[in-house]
Amino acid sequence: MYIVACSDGTFYTGYTFDIIKRLELHNKGRGAKYTRARRPVKLVWYKKYRYFKKAVGEERRIKKMRRLMKEELIRSGGILRRGKRKMSFLKKKKPGIRGVFSLTRRRRIKKEAHYV
């Protein structure tokens, strides 16, 4: 699993068994179609996985990330955990009590429905 930075500033994410060989292919123009016009590429992040299935799943997850999250992943050295609470640097949530009211309302509705 790896992320390379292309010459135009974009990121490309992929998985392979041999990172060095794959980087050579990208830079020769025989790698992915996306990187052919964006050479040279530079390795900015990689992680080894024991199981192929986990690497593919992680690649999908990273490809869905926005650029800001990918930059944070690269900066942190790969310590970006899943879940909305762990990535709190993206959104600052304002405290509110809306969730409490909706939760108590649901309970009240359930109780009333139960007794009817």
N, C-alpha and C. Protein backbone atom coordinates (compact mmCIF):
# COMPACT_ATOMS: atom_id res chain seq x y z
N MET A 1 0.85 -1.16 0.00
CA MET A 1 0.00 0.00 0.00
C MET A 1 0.89 1.22 0.00
N TYR A 2 0.66 2.14 -0.94
CA TYR A 2 1.54 3.30 -1.04
C TYR A 2 0.80 4.51 -1.59
N ILE A 3 1.36 5.69 -1.32
CA ILE A 3 0.88 6.94 -1.89
C ILE A 3 2.09 7.62 -2.53
N VAL A 4 1.92 8.05 -3.78
CA VAL A 4 2.98 8.80 -4.45
C VAL A 4 2.47 10.20 -4.77
N ALA A 5 3.39 11.16 -4.74
CA ALA A 5 3.06 12.52 -5.14
C ALA A 5 3.48 12.70 -6.59
N CYS A 6 2.56 13.14 -7.42
CA CYS A 6 2.84 13.35 -8.84
C CYS A 6 3.44 14.74 -9.05
N SER A 7 3.98 14.97 -10.24
CA SER A 7 4.64 16.25 -10.53
C SER A 7 3.67 17.43 -10.53
N ASP A 8 2.38 17.18 -10.78
CA ASP A 8 1.40 18.27 -10.76
C ASP A 8 0.81 18.53 -9.38
N GLY A 9 1.31 17.81 -8.36
CA GLY A 9 0.87 18.03 -6.98
C GLY A 9 -0.25 17.13 -6.51
N THR A 10 -0.73 16.23 -7.36
CA THR A 10 -1.79 15.31 -6.96
C THR A 10 -1.19 14.05 -6.34
N PHE A 11 -2.05 13.28 -5.67
CA PHE A 11 -1.63 12.03 -5.05
C PHE A 11 -2.21 10.85 -5.81
N TYR A 12 -1.45 9.77 -5.88
CA TYR A 12 -1.92 8.52 -6.46
C TYR A 12 -1.73 7.43 -5.41
N THR A 13 -2.76 6.64 -5.20
CA THR A 13 -2.72 5.58 -4.20
C THR A 13 -2.81 4.23 -4.89
N GLY A 14 -2.01 3.28 -4.43
CA GLY A 14 -2.04 1.94 -5.00
C GLY A 14 -1.48 0.91 -4.04
N TYR A 15 -1.52 -0.34 -4.46
CA TYR A 15 -0.95 -1.43 -3.65
C TYR A 15 -0.12 -2.32 -4.55
N THR A 16 0.93 -2.88 -3.99
CA THR A 16 1.82 -3.74 -4.74
C THR A 16 2.61 -4.62 -3.77
N PHE A 17 3.25 -5.64 -4.31
CA PHE A 17 4.11 -6.49 -3.49
C PHE A 17 5.55 -5.97 -3.46
N ASP A 18 5.95 -5.24 -4.52
CA ASP A 18 7.31 -4.71 -4.61
C ASP A 18 7.24 -3.20 -4.92
N ILE A 19 7.41 -2.38 -3.92
CA ILE A 19 7.26 -0.92 -4.07
C ILE A 19 8.33 -0.34 -4.98
N ILE A 20 9.55 -0.77 -4.84
CA ILE A 20 10.66 -0.22 -5.64
C ILE A 20 10.41 -0.46 -7.13
N LYS A 21 10.04 -1.67 -7.48
CA LYS A 21 9.77 -2.00 -8.89
C LYS A 21 8.59 -1.20 -9.42
N ARG A 22 7.58 -1.05 -8.57
CA ARG A 22 6.39 -0.30 -8.99
C ARG A 22 6.70 1.17 -9.23
N LEU A 23 7.53 1.77 -8.38
CA LEU A 23 7.93 3.16 -8.58
C LEU A 23 8.71 3.34 -9.88
N GLU A 24 9.58 2.40 -10.18
CA GLU A 24 10.32 2.45 -11.44
C GLU A 24 9.37 2.40 -12.63
N LEU A 25 8.36 1.54 -12.55
CA LEU A 25 7.37 1.45 -13.62
C LEU A 25 6.60 2.77 -13.78
N HIS A 26 6.20 3.36 -12.65
CA HIS A 26 5.49 4.65 -12.71
C HIS A 26 6.36 5.71 -13.39
N ASN A 27 7.62 5.77 -13.02
CA ASN A 27 8.50 6.81 -13.56
C ASN A 27 8.94 6.55 -15.01
N LYS A 28 8.86 5.30 -15.46
CA LYS A 28 9.17 4.99 -16.85
C LYS A 28 7.95 5.18 -17.77
N GLY A 29 6.78 5.37 -17.15
CA GLY A 29 5.57 5.55 -17.95
C GLY A 29 4.82 4.27 -18.22
N ARG A 30 5.21 3.19 -17.57
CA ARG A 30 4.54 1.90 -17.77
C ARG A 30 3.75 1.47 -16.54
N GLY A 31 3.52 2.40 -15.64
CA GLY A 31 2.73 2.11 -14.44
C GLY A 31 1.26 2.37 -14.71
N ALA A 32 0.62 3.03 -13.80
CA ALA A 32 -0.80 3.35 -13.96
C ALA A 32 -0.99 4.43 -15.01
N LYS A 33 -2.14 4.40 -15.67
CA LYS A 33 -2.44 5.38 -16.71
C LYS A 33 -2.47 6.80 -16.13
N TYR A 34 -2.92 6.92 -14.90
CA TYR A 34 -3.01 8.23 -14.24
C TYR A 34 -1.64 8.89 -14.09
N THR A 35 -0.62 8.10 -13.77
CA THR A 35 0.70 8.66 -13.50
C THR A 35 1.56 8.86 -14.75
N ARG A 36 1.13 8.34 -15.89
CA ARG A 36 1.93 8.45 -17.12
C ARG A 36 2.18 9.91 -17.52
N ALA A 37 1.16 10.73 -17.40
CA ALA A 37 1.29 12.14 -17.80
C ALA A 37 1.74 13.02 -16.63
N ARG A 38 1.96 12.44 -15.47
CA ARG A 38 2.31 13.21 -14.28
C ARG A 38 3.66 12.80 -13.70
N ARG A 39 4.58 12.44 -14.56
CA ARG A 39 5.90 11.99 -14.12
C ARG A 39 6.80 13.19 -13.87
N PRO A 40 7.78 13.06 -13.03
CA PRO A 40 8.13 11.92 -12.18
C PRO A 40 7.27 11.90 -10.91
N VAL A 41 7.13 10.72 -10.35
CA VAL A 41 6.39 10.55 -9.10
C VAL A 41 7.38 10.29 -7.97
N LYS A 42 6.95 10.65 -6.76
CA LYS A 42 7.81 10.49 -5.59
C LYS A 42 7.03 9.79 -4.49
N LEU A 43 7.62 8.78 -3.90
CA LEU A 43 6.97 8.05 -2.81
C LEU A 43 6.90 8.94 -1.57
N VAL A 44 5.68 9.13 -1.04
CA VAL A 44 5.53 9.96 0.15
C VAL A 44 5.04 9.18 1.37
N TRP A 45 4.41 8.02 1.14
CA TRP A 45 3.90 7.22 2.26
C TRP A 45 3.73 5.78 1.80
N TYR A 46 4.03 4.84 2.68
CA TYR A 46 3.73 3.44 2.39
C TYR A 46 3.53 2.68 3.69
N LYS A 47 2.85 1.56 3.58
CA LYS A 47 2.60 0.70 4.74
C LYS A 47 2.53 -0.73 4.23
N LYS A 48 3.15 -1.63 4.97
CA LYS A 48 3.13 -3.04 4.60
C LYS A 48 1.98 -3.74 5.32
N TYR A 49 1.35 -4.65 4.61
CA TYR A 49 0.26 -5.45 5.16
C TYR A 49 0.60 -6.92 4.97
N ARG A 50 0.20 -7.71 5.93
CA ARG A 50 0.44 -9.14 5.84
C ARG A 50 -0.54 -9.79 4.87
N TYR A 51 -1.78 -9.29 4.86
CA TYR A 51 -2.81 -9.88 4.03
C TYR A 51 -3.22 -8.93 2.90
N PHE A 52 -3.33 -9.47 1.71
CA PHE A 52 -3.68 -8.72 0.52
C PHE A 52 -5.04 -8.04 0.66
N LYS A 53 -6.00 -8.73 1.24
CA LYS A 53 -7.36 -8.21 1.39
C LYS A 53 -7.38 -6.93 2.22
N LYS A 54 -6.57 -6.88 3.26
CA LYS A 54 -6.51 -5.67 4.10
C LYS A 54 -5.90 -4.51 3.36
N ALA A 55 -4.90 -4.78 2.53
CA ALA A 55 -4.26 -3.73 1.74
C ALA A 55 -5.24 -3.13 0.74
N VAL A 56 -6.03 -3.97 0.10
CA VAL A 56 -7.02 -3.50 -0.87
C VAL A 56 -8.09 -2.66 -0.17
N GLY A 57 -8.53 -3.11 0.99
CA GLY A 57 -9.52 -2.36 1.76
C GLY A 57 -8.99 -1.00 2.20
N GLU A 58 -7.75 -0.97 2.63
CA GLU A 58 -7.14 0.29 3.05
C GLU A 58 -6.96 1.22 1.86
N GLU A 59 -6.61 0.67 0.71
CA GLU A 59 -6.47 1.50 -0.49
C GLU A 59 -7.80 2.15 -0.84
N ARG A 60 -8.86 1.40 -0.79
CA ARG A 60 -10.19 1.96 -1.07
C ARG A 60 -10.53 3.10 -0.12
N ARG A 61 -10.24 2.87 1.16
CA ARG A 61 -10.54 3.88 2.18
C ARG A 61 -9.74 5.16 1.92
N ILE A 62 -8.47 5.02 1.57
CA ILE A 62 -7.62 6.19 1.34
C ILE A 62 -8.03 6.90 0.05
N LYS A 63 -8.41 6.16 -0.96
CA LYS A 63 -8.84 6.79 -2.21
C LYS A 63 -10.10 7.62 -2.03
N LYS A 64 -10.93 7.26 -1.07
CA LYS A 64 -12.15 8.02 -0.81
C LYS A 64 -11.89 9.27 0.03
N MET A 65 -10.72 9.35 0.66
CA MET A 65 -10.40 10.50 1.50
C MET A 65 -10.23 11.77 0.67
N ARG A 66 -10.49 12.88 1.30
CA ARG A 66 -10.20 14.16 0.67
C ARG A 66 -8.72 14.45 0.79
N ARG A 67 -8.28 15.42 0.01
CA ARG A 67 -6.86 15.76 -0.03
C ARG A 67 -6.33 16.15 1.35
N LEU A 68 -7.10 16.91 2.11
CA LEU A 68 -6.68 17.34 3.43
C LEU A 68 -6.39 16.15 4.34
N MET A 69 -7.23 15.14 4.26
CA MET A 69 -7.04 13.95 5.08
C MET A 69 -5.82 13.15 4.64
N LYS A 70 -5.59 13.10 3.33
CA LYS A 70 -4.40 12.40 2.83
C LYS A 70 -3.13 13.11 3.27
N GLU A 71 -3.14 14.44 3.23
CA GLU A 71 -1.98 15.20 3.69
C GLU A 71 -1.73 14.96 5.17
N GLU A 72 -2.79 14.89 5.95
CA GLU A 72 -2.65 14.62 7.39
C GLU A 72 -2.11 13.22 7.63
N LEU A 73 -2.55 12.27 6.83
CA LEU A 73 -2.06 10.89 6.92
C LEU A 73 -0.56 10.84 6.64
N ILE A 74 -0.13 11.54 5.60
CA ILE A 74 1.29 11.56 5.24
C ILE A 74 2.11 12.25 6.33
N ARG A 75 1.60 13.38 6.83
CA ARG A 75 2.30 14.13 7.88
C ARG A 75 2.44 13.33 9.18
N SER A 76 1.37 12.62 9.53
CA SER A 76 1.36 11.89 10.80
C SER A 76 2.16 10.59 10.73
N GLY A 77 2.54 10.18 9.55
CA GLY A 77 3.30 8.93 9.41
C GLY A 77 2.43 7.70 9.45
N GLY A 78 1.15 7.86 9.16
CA GLY A 78 0.26 6.71 9.08
C GLY A 78 -0.55 6.43 10.32
N ILE A 79 -0.61 7.38 11.24
CA ILE A 79 -1.37 7.16 12.48
C ILE A 79 -2.69 7.92 12.39
N LEU A 80 -3.45 7.62 11.37
CA LEU A 80 -4.75 8.24 11.19
C LEU A 80 -5.78 7.14 11.34
N ARG A 81 -6.52 7.18 12.41
CA ARG A 81 -7.44 6.08 12.71
C ARG A 81 -8.80 6.32 12.06
N ARG A 82 -9.54 5.24 11.95
CA ARG A 82 -10.87 5.33 11.37
C ARG A 82 -11.83 5.97 12.36
N GLY A 83 -12.93 6.44 11.84
CA GLY A 83 -13.97 7.00 12.69
C GLY A 83 -13.98 8.51 12.66
N LYS A 84 -15.16 9.08 12.84
CA LYS A 84 -15.30 10.53 12.76
C LYS A 84 -14.67 11.23 13.96
N ARG A 85 -14.70 10.61 15.12
CA ARG A 85 -14.14 11.25 16.31
C ARG A 85 -12.63 11.37 16.23
N LYS A 86 -11.97 10.40 15.62
CA LYS A 86 -10.52 10.42 15.54
C LYS A 86 -10.01 11.49 14.58
N MET A 87 -10.83 11.85 13.59
CA MET A 87 -10.43 12.84 12.61
C MET A 87 -11.09 14.18 12.91
N SER A 88 -11.07 14.59 14.15
CA SER A 88 -11.74 15.80 14.57
C SER A 88 -11.07 17.07 14.08
N PHE A 89 -9.88 16.96 13.49
CA PHE A 89 -9.20 18.14 12.98
C PHE A 89 -9.92 18.72 11.76
N LEU A 90 -10.82 17.94 11.15
CA LEU A 90 -11.51 18.42 9.96
C LEU A 90 -12.71 19.30 10.29
N LYS A 91 -13.50 18.88 11.25
CA LYS A 91 -14.72 19.62 11.56
C LYS A 91 -14.76 19.93 13.06
N LYS A 92 -15.03 21.16 13.35
CA LYS A 92 -15.23 21.56 14.74
C LYS A 92 -16.73 21.57 14.99
N LYS A 93 -17.19 20.66 15.82
CA LYS A 93 -18.61 20.57 16.10
C LYS A 93 -18.97 21.50 17.25
N LYS A 94 -20.09 22.18 17.09
CA LYS A 94 -20.57 23.06 18.14
C LYS A 94 -21.40 22.24 19.11
N PRO A 95 -21.24 22.50 20.40
CA PRO A 95 -22.04 21.74 21.36
C PRO A 95 -23.52 22.11 21.23
N GLY A 96 -24.38 21.14 21.35
CA GLY A 96 -25.81 21.38 21.24
C GLY A 96 -26.58 20.33 22.00
N ILE A 97 -27.86 20.57 22.17
CA ILE A 97 -28.69 19.62 22.90
C ILE A 97 -29.77 19.02 22.01
N ARG A 98 -29.65 19.21 20.72
CA ARG A 98 -30.64 18.70 19.79
C ARG A 98 -30.75 17.18 19.87
N GLY A 99 -29.62 16.51 19.97
CA GLY A 99 -29.62 15.05 20.04
C GLY A 99 -30.32 14.52 21.28
N VAL A 100 -30.19 15.23 22.39
CA VAL A 100 -30.83 14.80 23.63
C VAL A 100 -32.34 14.88 23.49
N PHE A 101 -32.84 15.97 22.93
CA PHE A 101 -34.28 16.11 22.77
C PHE A 101 -34.85 15.05 21.85
N SER A 102 -34.16 14.80 20.74
CA SER A 102 -34.68 13.81 19.81
C SER A 102 -34.66 12.41 20.43
N LEU A 103 -33.65 12.13 21.26
CA LEU A 103 -33.56 10.83 21.90
C LEU A 103 -34.69 10.66 22.91
N THR A 104 -34.94 11.68 23.75
CA THR A 104 -36.01 11.55 24.74
C THR A 104 -37.37 11.51 24.06
N ARG A 105 -37.52 12.23 22.95
CA ARG A 105 -38.78 12.21 22.22
C ARG A 105 -39.04 10.81 21.67
N ARG A 106 -38.01 10.17 21.14
CA ARG A 106 -38.17 8.81 20.61
C ARG A 106 -38.59 7.85 21.71
N ARG A 107 -37.98 8.00 22.88
CA ARG A 107 -38.34 7.11 24.00
C ARG A 107 -39.79 7.32 24.41
N ARG A 108 -40.20 8.59 24.46
CA ARG A 108 -41.57 8.90 24.86
C ARG A 108 -42.55 8.31 23.85
N ILE A 109 -42.22 8.44 22.58
CA ILE A 109 -43.10 7.90 21.53
C ILE A 109 -43.16 6.38 21.64
N LYS A 110 -42.04 5.74 21.91
CA LYS A 110 -42.02 4.29 22.06
C LYS A 110 -42.88 3.87 23.25
N LYS A 111 -42.77 4.59 24.38
CA LYS A 111 -43.55 4.24 25.57
C LYS A 111 -45.04 4.37 25.27
N GLU A 112 -45.42 5.48 24.64
CA GLU A 112 -46.82 5.68 24.33
C GLU A 112 -47.35 4.61 23.38
N ALA A 113 -46.54 4.26 22.42
CA ALA A 113 -46.95 3.23 21.46
C ALA A 113 -47.06 1.87 22.15
N HIS A 114 -46.23 1.64 23.16
CA HIS A 114 -46.25 0.37 23.87
C HIS A 114 -47.52 0.20 24.68
N TYR A 115 -48.02 1.27 25.30
CA TYR A 115 -49.19 1.17 26.15
C TYR A 115 -50.49 1.22 25.40
N VAL A 116 -50.48 1.63 24.16
CA VAL A 116 -51.72 1.76 23.39
C VAL A 116 -52.16 0.43 22.86
